[in-house]
Amino acid sequence: MDKYGFQVIKHEDNTEGVYYNNKLIGQVMRFEDGYYSFDLNRENNGWWSSYDLKLIAKLLDDLNEPWDTEVKAYFDSIEVEDASDDDISPF
């Protein structure tokens, strides 16, 4: 993936590095819920503009889009029973 100067490259140890202009800035990791999150490389501390952060958010949105589509399709396929107040009783 090469959007907005970002690349996500899978390393030999199965980590996925995020590169900006060919410099490693952090990594993404897919967690138990199936969604990717971003971890900033500690050596890149400093100030990040809102534009930079929006690009990282867009990168995550793009990575998460296929899984999010699957999750939404799954929940759209489930029929939910309509429970009225008469059906709910504390006794």
PDB file of N, CA and C in Angstrom:
ATOM      1  N   MET A   1       0.852  -1.175   0.000  1.00  0.00           N
ATOM      2  CA  MET A   1       0.000   0.000   0.000  1.00  0.00           C
ATOM      3  C   MET A   1       0.892   1.230   0.000  1.00  0.00           C
ATOM      4  N   ASP A   2       0.644   2.096  -0.912  1.00  0.00           N
ATOM      5  CA  ASP A   2       1.418   3.331  -0.981  1.00  0.00           C
ATOM      6  C   ASP A   2       0.455   4.484  -1.218  1.00  0.00           C
ATOM      7  N   LYS A   3      -0.068   5.021  -0.130  1.00  0.00           N
ATOM      8  CA  LYS A   3      -0.988   6.147  -0.218  1.00  0.00           C
ATOM      9  C   LYS A   3      -0.424   7.292   0.593  1.00  0.00           C
ATOM     10  N   TYR A   4      -0.445   8.455   0.019  1.00  0.00           N
ATOM     11  CA  TYR A   4      -0.024   9.658   0.727  1.00  0.00           C
ATOM     12  C   TYR A   4       1.420   9.545   1.227  1.00  0.00           C
ATOM     13  N   GLY A   5       2.249   8.769   0.549  1.00  0.00           N
ATOM     14  CA  GLY A   5       3.630   8.606   0.965  1.00  0.00           C
ATOM     15  C   GLY A   5       3.840   7.516   1.999  1.00  0.00           C
ATOM     16  N   PHE A   6       2.768   6.851   2.432  1.00  0.00           N
ATOM     17  CA  PHE A   6       2.876   5.782   3.415  1.00  0.00           C
ATOM     18  C   PHE A   6       3.019   4.435   2.726  1.00  0.00           C
ATOM     19  N   GLN A   7       3.774   3.557   3.357  1.00  0.00           N
ATOM     20  CA  GLN A   7       3.839   2.169   2.930  1.00  0.00           C
ATOM     21  C   GLN A   7       3.751   1.302   4.173  1.00  0.00           C
ATOM     22  N   VAL A   8       3.028   0.202   4.057  1.00  0.00           N
ATOM     23  CA  VAL A   8       2.989  -0.786   5.119  1.00  0.00           C
ATOM     24  C   VAL A   8       3.743  -1.996   4.587  1.00  0.00           C
ATOM     25  N   ILE A   9       4.820  -2.346   5.272  1.00  0.00           N
ATOM     26  CA  ILE A   9       5.684  -3.436   4.816  1.00  0.00           C
ATOM     27  C   ILE A   9       5.757  -4.501   5.900  1.00  0.00           C
ATOM     28  N   LYS A  10       5.444  -5.744   5.506  1.00  0.00           N
ATOM     29  CA  LYS A  10       5.531  -6.859   6.444  1.00  0.00           C
ATOM     30  C   LYS A  10       6.992  -7.273   6.578  1.00  0.00           C
ATOM     31  N   HIS A  11       7.474  -7.328   7.803  1.00  0.00           N
ATOM     32  CA  HIS A  11       8.852  -7.719   8.083  1.00  0.00           C
ATOM     33  C   HIS A  11       8.940  -9.227   8.272  1.00  0.00           C
ATOM     34  N   GLU A  12      10.153  -9.737   8.324  1.00  0.00           N
ATOM     35  CA  GLU A  12      10.372 -11.180   8.478  1.00  0.00           C
ATOM     36  C   GLU A  12       9.773 -11.725   9.772  1.00  0.00           C
ATOM     37  N   ASP A  13       9.730 -10.909  10.827  1.00  0.00           N
ATOM     38  CA  ASP A  13       9.160 -11.363  12.104  1.00  0.00           C
ATOM     39  C   ASP A  13       7.646 -11.171  12.162  1.00  0.00           C
ATOM     40  N   ASN A  14       7.020 -10.921  10.996  1.00  0.00           N
ATOM     41  CA  ASN A  14       5.576 -10.740  10.831  1.00  0.00           C
ATOM     42  C   ASN A  14       5.033  -9.444  11.410  1.00  0.00           C
ATOM     43  N   THR A  15       5.903  -8.534  11.865  1.00  0.00           N
ATOM     44  CA  THR A  15       5.415  -7.213  12.223  1.00  0.00           C
ATOM     45  C   THR A  15       5.206  -6.436  10.933  1.00  0.00           C
ATOM     46  N   GLU A  16       4.362  -5.424  10.989  1.00  0.00           N
ATOM     47  CA  GLU A  16       4.073  -4.617   9.810  1.00  0.00           C
ATOM     48  C   GLU A  16       4.491  -3.186  10.090  1.00  0.00           C
ATOM     49  N   GLY A  17       5.587  -2.789   9.463  1.00  0.00           N
ATOM     50  CA  GLY A  17       6.127  -1.453   9.658  1.00  0.00           C
ATOM     51  C   GLY A  17       5.409  -0.432   8.794  1.00  0.00           C
ATOM     52  N   VAL A  18       5.229   0.749   9.340  1.00  0.00           N
ATOM     53  CA  VAL A  18       4.644   1.857   8.591  1.00  0.00           C
ATOM     54  C   VAL A  18       5.782   2.813   8.256  1.00  0.00           C
ATOM     55  N   TYR A  19       5.953   3.044   6.974  1.00  0.00           N
ATOM     56  CA  TYR A  19       7.023   3.904   6.482  1.00  0.00           C
ATOM     57  C   TYR A  19       6.421   5.149   5.854  1.00  0.00           C
ATOM     58  N   TYR A  20       7.021   6.279   6.151  1.00  0.00           N
ATOM     59  CA  TYR A  20       6.626   7.546   5.535  1.00  0.00           C
ATOM     60  C   TYR A  20       7.862   8.126   4.872  1.00  0.00           C
ATOM     61  N   ASN A  21       7.788   8.294   3.562  1.00  0.00           N
ATOM     62  CA  ASN A  21       8.953   8.735   2.791  1.00  0.00           C
ATOM     63  C   ASN A  21      10.174   7.856   3.083  1.00  0.00           C
ATOM     64  N   ASN A  22       9.953   6.560   3.087  1.00  0.00           N
ATOM     65  CA  ASN A  22      10.991   5.539   3.294  1.00  0.00           C
ATOM     66  C   ASN A  22      11.607   5.544   4.686  1.00  0.00           C
ATOM     67  N   LYS A  23      10.975   6.186   5.660  1.00  0.00           N
ATOM     68  CA  LYS A  23      11.461   6.174   7.037  1.00  0.00           C
ATOM     69  C   LYS A  23      10.444   5.476   7.916  1.00  0.00           C
ATOM     70  N   LEU A  24      10.925   4.524   8.716  1.00  0.00           N
ATOM     71  CA  LEU A  24      10.039   3.795   9.628  1.00  0.00           C
ATOM     72  C   LEU A  24       9.529   4.750  10.698  1.00  0.00           C
ATOM     73  N   ILE A  25       8.202   4.927  10.755  1.00  0.00           N
ATOM     74  CA  ILE A  25       7.631   5.830  11.765  1.00  0.00           C
ATOM     75  C   ILE A  25       6.854   5.077  12.841  1.00  0.00           C
ATOM     76  N   GLY A  26       6.550   3.805  12.592  1.00  0.00           N
ATOM     77  CA  GLY A  26       5.791   3.030  13.565  1.00  0.00           C
ATOM     78  C   GLY A  26       5.392   1.704  12.971  1.00  0.00           C
ATOM     79  N   GLN A  27       4.436   1.077  13.603  1.00  0.00           N
ATOM     80  CA  GLN A  27       3.938  -0.181  13.073  1.00  0.00           C
ATOM     81  C   GLN A  27       2.442  -0.289  13.308  1.00  0.00           C
ATOM     82  N   VAL A  28       1.818  -1.137  12.509  1.00  0.00           N
ATOM     83  CA  VAL A  28       0.412  -1.450  12.710  1.00  0.00           C
ATOM     84  C   VAL A  28       0.317  -2.887  13.182  1.00  0.00           C
ATOM     85  N   MET A  29      -0.716  -3.145  13.963  1.00  0.00           N
ATOM     86  CA  MET A  29      -0.932  -4.489  14.475  1.00  0.00           C
ATOM     87  C   MET A  29      -2.429  -4.765  14.469  1.00  0.00           C
ATOM     88  N   ARG A  30      -2.782  -5.957  14.050  1.00  0.00           N
ATOM     89  CA  ARG A  30      -4.184  -6.363  14.051  1.00  0.00           C
ATOM     90  C   ARG A  30      -4.464  -7.062  15.377  1.00  0.00           C
ATOM     91  N   PHE A  31      -5.441  -6.552  16.089  1.00  0.00           N
ATOM     92  CA  PHE A  31      -5.748  -7.076  17.413  1.00  0.00           C
ATOM     93  C   PHE A  31      -6.882  -8.096  17.363  1.00  0.00           C
ATOM     94  N   GLU A  32      -7.259  -8.597  18.534  1.00  0.00           N
ATOM     95  CA  GLU A  32      -8.242  -9.673  18.653  1.00  0.00           C
ATOM     96  C   GLU A  32      -9.581  -9.332  18.026  1.00  0.00           C
ATOM     97  N   ASP A  33      -9.936  -8.051  18.013  1.00  0.00           N
ATOM     98  CA  ASP A  33     -11.218  -7.654  17.428  1.00  0.00           C
ATOM     99  C   ASP A  33     -11.166  -7.597  15.906  1.00  0.00           C
ATOM    100  N   GLY A  34      -9.983  -7.838  15.336  1.00  0.00           N
ATOM    101  CA  GLY A  34      -9.832  -7.861  13.889  1.00  0.00           C
ATOM    102  C   GLY A  34      -9.442  -6.532  13.277  1.00  0.00           C
ATOM    103  N   TYR A  35      -9.351  -5.490  14.086  1.00  0.00           N
ATOM    104  CA  TYR A  35      -9.025  -4.168  13.579  1.00  0.00           C
ATOM    105  C   TYR A  35      -7.554  -3.824  13.845  1.00  0.00           C
ATOM    106  N   TYR A  36      -6.988  -3.063  12.908  1.00  0.00           N
ATOM    107  CA  TYR A  36      -5.611  -2.592  13.041  1.00  0.00           C
ATOM    108  C   TYR A  36      -5.549  -1.339  13.908  1.00  0.00           C
ATOM    109  N   SER A  37      -4.461  -1.238  14.670  1.00  0.00           N
ATOM    110  CA  SER A  37      -4.140  -0.030  15.426  1.00  0.00           C
ATOM    111  C   SER A  37      -2.706   0.356  15.098  1.00  0.00           C
ATOM    112  N   PHE A  38      -2.357   1.590  15.380  1.00  0.00           N
ATOM    113  CA  PHE A  38      -1.043   2.131  15.048  1.00  0.00           C
ATOM    114  C   PHE A  38      -0.247   2.388  16.307  1.00  0.00           C
ATOM    115  N   ASP A  39       1.026   2.033  16.283  1.00  0.00           N
ATOM    116  CA  ASP A  39       1.946   2.308  17.390  1.00  0.00           C
ATOM    117  C   ASP A  39       3.092   3.149  16.839  1.00  0.00           C
ATOM    118  N   LEU A  40       3.237   4.354  17.335  1.00  0.00           N
ATOM    119  CA  LEU A  40       4.277   5.264  16.895  1.00  0.00           C
ATOM    120  C   LEU A  40       5.629   4.781  17.393  1.00  0.00           C
ATOM    121  N   ASN A  41       6.607   4.756  16.509  1.00  0.00           N
ATOM    122  CA  ASN A  41       7.971   4.410  16.870  1.00  0.00           C
ATOM    123  C   ASN A  41       8.475   5.439  17.877  1.00  0.00           C
ATOM    124  N   ARG A  42       8.932   4.990  19.016  1.00  0.00           N
ATOM    125  CA  ARG A  42       9.336   5.893  20.101  1.00  0.00           C
ATOM    126  C   ARG A  42      10.454   6.856  19.691  1.00  0.00           C
ATOM    127  N   GLU A  43      11.237   6.495  18.678  1.00  0.00           N
ATOM    128  CA  GLU A  43      12.305   7.373  18.222  1.00  0.00           C
ATOM    129  C   GLU A  43      11.762   8.553  17.419  1.00  0.00           C
ATOM    130  N   ASN A  44      10.486   8.513  17.064  1.00  0.00           N
ATOM    131  CA  ASN A  44       9.869   9.592  16.288  1.00  0.00           C
ATOM    132  C   ASN A  44       9.031  10.507  17.157  1.00  0.00           C
ATOM    133  N   ASN A  45       9.433  10.657  18.409  1.00  0.00           N
ATOM    134  CA  ASN A  45       8.666  11.565  19.247  1.00  0.00           C
ATOM    135  C   ASN A  45       8.878  12.986  18.736  1.00  0.00           C
ATOM    136  N   GLY A  46       7.976  13.806  19.052  1.00  0.00           N
ATOM    137  CA  GLY A  46       8.030  15.168  18.550  1.00  0.00           C
ATOM    138  C   GLY A  46       6.630  15.636  18.231  1.00  0.00           C
ATOM    139  N   TRP A  47       6.545  16.611  17.379  1.00  0.00           N
ATOM    140  CA  TRP A  47       5.266  17.230  17.070  1.00  0.00           C
ATOM    141  C   TRP A  47       4.738  16.714  15.746  1.00  0.00           C
ATOM    142  N   TRP A  48       3.458  16.378  15.742  1.00  0.00           N
ATOM    143  CA  TRP A  48       2.785  15.888  14.538  1.00  0.00           C
ATOM    144  C   TRP A  48       1.627  16.826  14.253  1.00  0.00           C
ATOM    145  N   SER A  49       1.495  17.239  13.023  1.00  0.00           N
ATOM    146  CA  SER A  49       0.407  18.146  12.656  1.00  0.00           C
ATOM    147  C   SER A  49      -0.905  17.364  12.547  1.00  0.00           C
ATOM    148  N   SER A  50      -1.998  18.096  12.525  1.00  0.00           N
ATOM    149  CA  SER A  50      -3.296  17.436  12.356  1.00  0.00           C
ATOM    150  C   SER A  50      -3.344  16.747  10.992  1.00  0.00           C
ATOM    151  N   TYR A  51      -2.686  17.322  10.006  1.00  0.00           N
ATOM    152  CA  TYR A  51      -2.636  16.701   8.674  1.00  0.00           C
ATOM    153  C   TYR A  51      -1.940  15.343   8.741  1.00  0.00           C
ATOM    154  N   ASP A  52      -0.791  15.269   9.436  1.00  0.00           N
ATOM    155  CA  ASP A  52      -0.078  13.994   9.583  1.00  0.00           C
ATOM    156  C   ASP A  52      -0.959  12.952  10.272  1.00  0.00           C
ATOM    157  N   LEU A  53      -1.624  13.377  11.336  1.00  0.00           N
ATOM    158  CA  LEU A  53      -2.465  12.447  12.096  1.00  0.00           C
ATOM    159  C   LEU A  53      -3.664  11.986  11.279  1.00  0.00           C
ATOM    160  N   LYS A  54      -4.214  12.881  10.457  1.00  0.00           N
ATOM    161  CA  LYS A  54      -5.330  12.497   9.583  1.00  0.00           C
ATOM    162  C   LYS A  54      -4.878  11.469   8.551  1.00  0.00           C
ATOM    163  N   LEU A  55      -3.650  11.614   8.060  1.00  0.00           N
ATOM    164  CA  LEU A  55      -3.124  10.632   7.109  1.00  0.00           C
ATOM    165  C   LEU A  55      -2.957   9.259   7.757  1.00  0.00           C
ATOM    166  N   ILE A  56      -2.488   9.251   9.004  1.00  0.00           N
ATOM    167  CA  ILE A  56      -2.360   7.976   9.723  1.00  0.00           C
ATOM    168  C   ILE A  56      -3.742   7.375   9.963  1.00  0.00           C
ATOM    169  N   ALA A  57      -4.713   8.208  10.323  1.00  0.00           N
ATOM    170  CA  ALA A  57      -6.085   7.724  10.516  1.00  0.00           C
ATOM    171  C   ALA A  57      -6.645   7.167   9.208  1.00  0.00           C
ATOM    172  N   LYS A  58      -6.384   7.837   8.097  1.00  0.00           N
ATOM    173  CA  LYS A  58      -6.850   7.361   6.786  1.00  0.00           C
ATOM    174  C   LYS A  58      -6.193   6.030   6.438  1.00  0.00           C
ATOM    175  N   LEU A  59      -4.918   5.890   6.746  1.00  0.00           N
ATOM    176  CA  LEU A  59      -4.226   4.619   6.527  1.00  0.00           C
ATOM    177  C   LEU A  59      -4.906   3.501   7.304  1.00  0.00           C
ATOM    178  N   LEU A  60      -5.215   3.753   8.573  1.00  0.00           N
ATOM    179  CA  LEU A  60      -5.906   2.752   9.390  1.00  0.00           C
ATOM    180  C   LEU A  60      -7.293   2.447   8.840  1.00  0.00           C
ATOM    181  N   ASP A  61      -8.025   3.484   8.424  1.00  0.00           N
ATOM    182  CA  ASP A  61      -9.348   3.267   7.841  1.00  0.00           C
ATOM    183  C   ASP A  61      -9.251   2.367   6.610  1.00  0.00           C
ATOM    184  N   ASP A  62      -8.252   2.610   5.771  1.00  0.00           N
ATOM    185  CA  ASP A  62      -8.075   1.788   4.565  1.00  0.00           C
ATOM    186  C   ASP A  62      -7.729   0.344   4.918  1.00  0.00           C
ATOM    187  N   LEU A  63      -6.854   0.159   5.921  1.00  0.00           N
ATOM    188  CA  LEU A  63      -6.498  -1.198   6.341  1.00  0.00           C
ATOM    189  C   LEU A  63      -7.691  -1.925   6.954  1.00  0.00           C
ATOM    190  N   ASN A  64      -8.522  -1.194   7.692  1.00  0.00           N
ATOM    191  CA  ASN A  64      -9.642  -1.799   8.409  1.00  0.00           C
ATOM    192  C   ASN A  64     -10.900  -1.961   7.570  1.00  0.00           C
ATOM    193  N   GLU A  65     -10.945  -1.331   6.415  1.00  0.00           N
ATOM    194  CA  GLU A  65     -12.158  -1.346   5.601  1.00  0.00           C
ATOM    195  C   GLU A  65     -12.659  -2.756   5.243  1.00  0.00           C
ATOM    196  N   PRO A  66     -11.806  -3.663   4.772  1.00  0.00           N
ATOM    197  CA  PRO A  66     -12.325  -5.002   4.424  1.00  0.00           C
ATOM    198  C   PRO A  66     -12.941  -5.721   5.629  1.00  0.00           C
ATOM    199  N   TRP A  67     -12.276  -5.642   6.783  1.00  0.00           N
ATOM    200  CA  TRP A  67     -12.804  -6.315   7.969  1.00  0.00           C
ATOM    201  C   TRP A  67     -14.082  -5.632   8.447  1.00  0.00           C
ATOM    202  N   ASP A  68     -14.122  -4.317   8.406  1.00  0.00           N
ATOM    203  CA  ASP A  68     -15.310  -3.581   8.825  1.00  0.00           C
ATOM    204  C   ASP A  68     -16.503  -3.945   7.951  1.00  0.00           C
ATOM    205  N   THR A  69     -16.270  -4.133   6.661  1.00  0.00           N
ATOM    206  CA  THR A  69     -17.334  -4.549   5.741  1.00  0.00           C
ATOM    207  C   THR A  69     -17.875  -5.920   6.134  1.00  0.00           C
ATOM    208  N   GLU A  70     -16.977  -6.849   6.481  1.00  0.00           N
ATOM    209  CA  GLU A  70     -17.407  -8.183   6.918  1.00  0.00           C
ATOM    210  C   GLU A  70     -18.225  -8.121   8.205  1.00  0.00           C
ATOM    211  N   VAL A  71     -17.761  -7.328   9.159  1.00  0.00           N
ATOM    212  CA  VAL A  71     -18.468  -7.204  10.442  1.00  0.00           C
ATOM    213  C   VAL A  71     -19.860  -6.629  10.227  1.00  0.00           C
ATOM    214  N   LYS A  72     -19.962  -5.578   9.423  1.00  0.00           N
ATOM    215  CA  LYS A  72     -21.264  -4.960   9.157  1.00  0.00           C
ATOM    216  C   LYS A  72     -22.192  -5.928   8.433  1.00  0.00           C
ATOM    217  N   ALA A  73     -21.663  -6.683   7.486  1.00  0.00           N
ATOM    218  CA  ALA A  73     -22.477  -7.660   6.756  1.00  0.00           C
ATOM    219  C   ALA A  73     -22.993  -8.739   7.701  1.00  0.00           C
ATOM    220  N   TYR A  74     -22.146  -9.168   8.619  1.00  0.00           N
ATOM    221  CA  TYR A  74     -22.564 -10.190   9.582  1.00  0.00           C
ATOM    222  C   TYR A  74     -23.723  -9.672  10.438  1.00  0.00           C
ATOM    223  N   PHE A  75     -23.585  -8.484  10.986  1.00  0.00           N
ATOM    224  CA  PHE A  75     -24.639  -7.964  11.856  1.00  0.00           C
ATOM    225  C   PHE A  75     -25.894  -7.587  11.084  1.00  0.00           C
ATOM    226  N   ASP A  76     -25.738  -7.198   9.831  1.00  0.00           N
ATOM    227  CA  ASP A  76     -26.919  -6.926   9.005  1.00  0.00           C
ATOM    228  C   ASP A  76     -27.692  -8.206   8.700  1.00  0.00           C
ATOM    229  N   SER A  77     -27.004  -9.352   8.723  1.00  0.00           N
ATOM    230  CA  SER A  77     -27.660 -10.618   8.391  1.00  0.00           C
ATOM    231  C   SER A  77     -28.390 -11.245   9.582  1.00  0.00           C
ATOM    232  N   ILE A  78     -28.166 -10.723  10.760  1.00  0.00           N
ATOM    233  CA  ILE A  78     -28.803 -11.271  11.965  1.00  0.00           C
ATOM    234  C   ILE A  78     -30.184 -10.652  12.136  1.00  0.00           C
ATOM    235  N   GLU A  79     -31.172 -11.516  12.331  1.00  0.00           N
ATOM    236  CA  GLU A  79     -32.519 -11.015  12.605  1.00  0.00           C
ATOM    237  C   GLU A  79     -32.644 -10.747  14.092  1.00  0.00           C
ATOM    238  N   VAL A  80     -33.131  -9.573  14.400  1.00  0.00           N
ATOM    239  CA  VAL A  80     -33.303  -9.183  15.791  1.00  0.00           C
ATOM    240  C   VAL A  80     -34.784  -9.216  16.105  1.00  0.00           C
ATOM    241  N   GLU A  81     -35.122  -9.926  17.196  1.00  0.00           N
ATOM    242  CA  GLU A  81     -36.526  -9.974  17.611  1.00  0.00           C
ATOM    243  C   GLU A  81     -36.894  -8.651  18.259  1.00  0.00           C
ATOM    244  N   ASP A  82     -38.090  -8.185  17.950  1.00  0.00           N
ATOM    245  CA  ASP A  82     -38.580  -6.954  18.536  1.00  0.00           C
ATOM    246  C   ASP A  82     -39.228  -7.279  19.873  1.00  0.00           C
ATOM    247  N   ALA A  83     -38.594  -6.857  20.950  1.00  0.00           N
ATOM    248  CA  ALA A  83     -39.123  -7.137  22.287  1.00  0.00           C
ATOM    249  C   ALA A  83     -39.902  -5.920  22.775  1.00  0.00           C
ATOM    250  N   SER A  84     -41.155  -6.131  23.099  1.00  0.00           N
ATOM    251  CA  SER A  84     -41.946  -5.028  23.637  1.00  0.00           C
ATOM    252  C   SER A  84     -41.797  -5.001  25.158  1.00  0.00           C
ATOM    253  N   ASP A  85     -42.243  -3.924  25.766  1.00  0.00           N
ATOM    254  CA  ASP A  85     -42.153  -3.798  27.227  1.00  0.00           C
ATOM    255  C   ASP A  85     -42.942  -4.889  27.933  1.00  0.00           C
ATOM    256  N   ASP A  86     -44.012  -5.413  27.317  1.00  0.00           N
ATOM    257  CA  ASP A  86     -44.818  -6.456  27.931  1.00  0.00           C
ATOM    258  C   ASP A  86     -44.022  -7.760  28.084  1.00  0.00           C
ATOM    259  N   ASP A  87     -43.044  -7.969  27.203  1.00  0.00           N
ATOM    260  CA  ASP A  87     -42.277  -9.209  27.237  1.00  0.00           C
ATOM    261  C   ASP A  87     -41.194  -9.192  28.304  1.00  0.00           C
ATOM    262  N   ILE A  88     -40.887  -8.018  28.838  1.00  0.00           N
ATOM    263  CA  ILE A  88     -39.800  -7.902  29.806  1.00  0.00           C
ATOM    264  C   ILE A  88     -40.395  -7.790  31.194  1.00  0.00           C
ATOM    265  N   SER A  89     -40.029  -8.727  32.051  1.00  0.00           N
ATOM    266  CA  SER A  89     -40.528  -8.693  33.418  1.00  0.00           C
ATOM    267  C   SER A  89     -39.404  -9.045  34.369  1.00  0.00           C
ATOM    268  N   PRO A  90     -39.287  -8.294  35.463  1.00  0.00           N
ATOM    269  CA  PRO A  90     -38.226  -8.590  36.416  1.00  0.00           C
ATOM    270  C   PRO A  90     -38.545  -9.824  37.274  1.00  0.00           C
ATOM    271  N   PHE A  91     -39.786 -10.371  37.159  1.00  0.00           N
ATOM    272  CA  PHE A  91     -40.184 -11.512  38.008  1.00  0.00           C
ATOM    273  C   PHE A  91     -40.428 -12.746  37.211  1.00  0.00           C
TER     274      PHE A  91
END
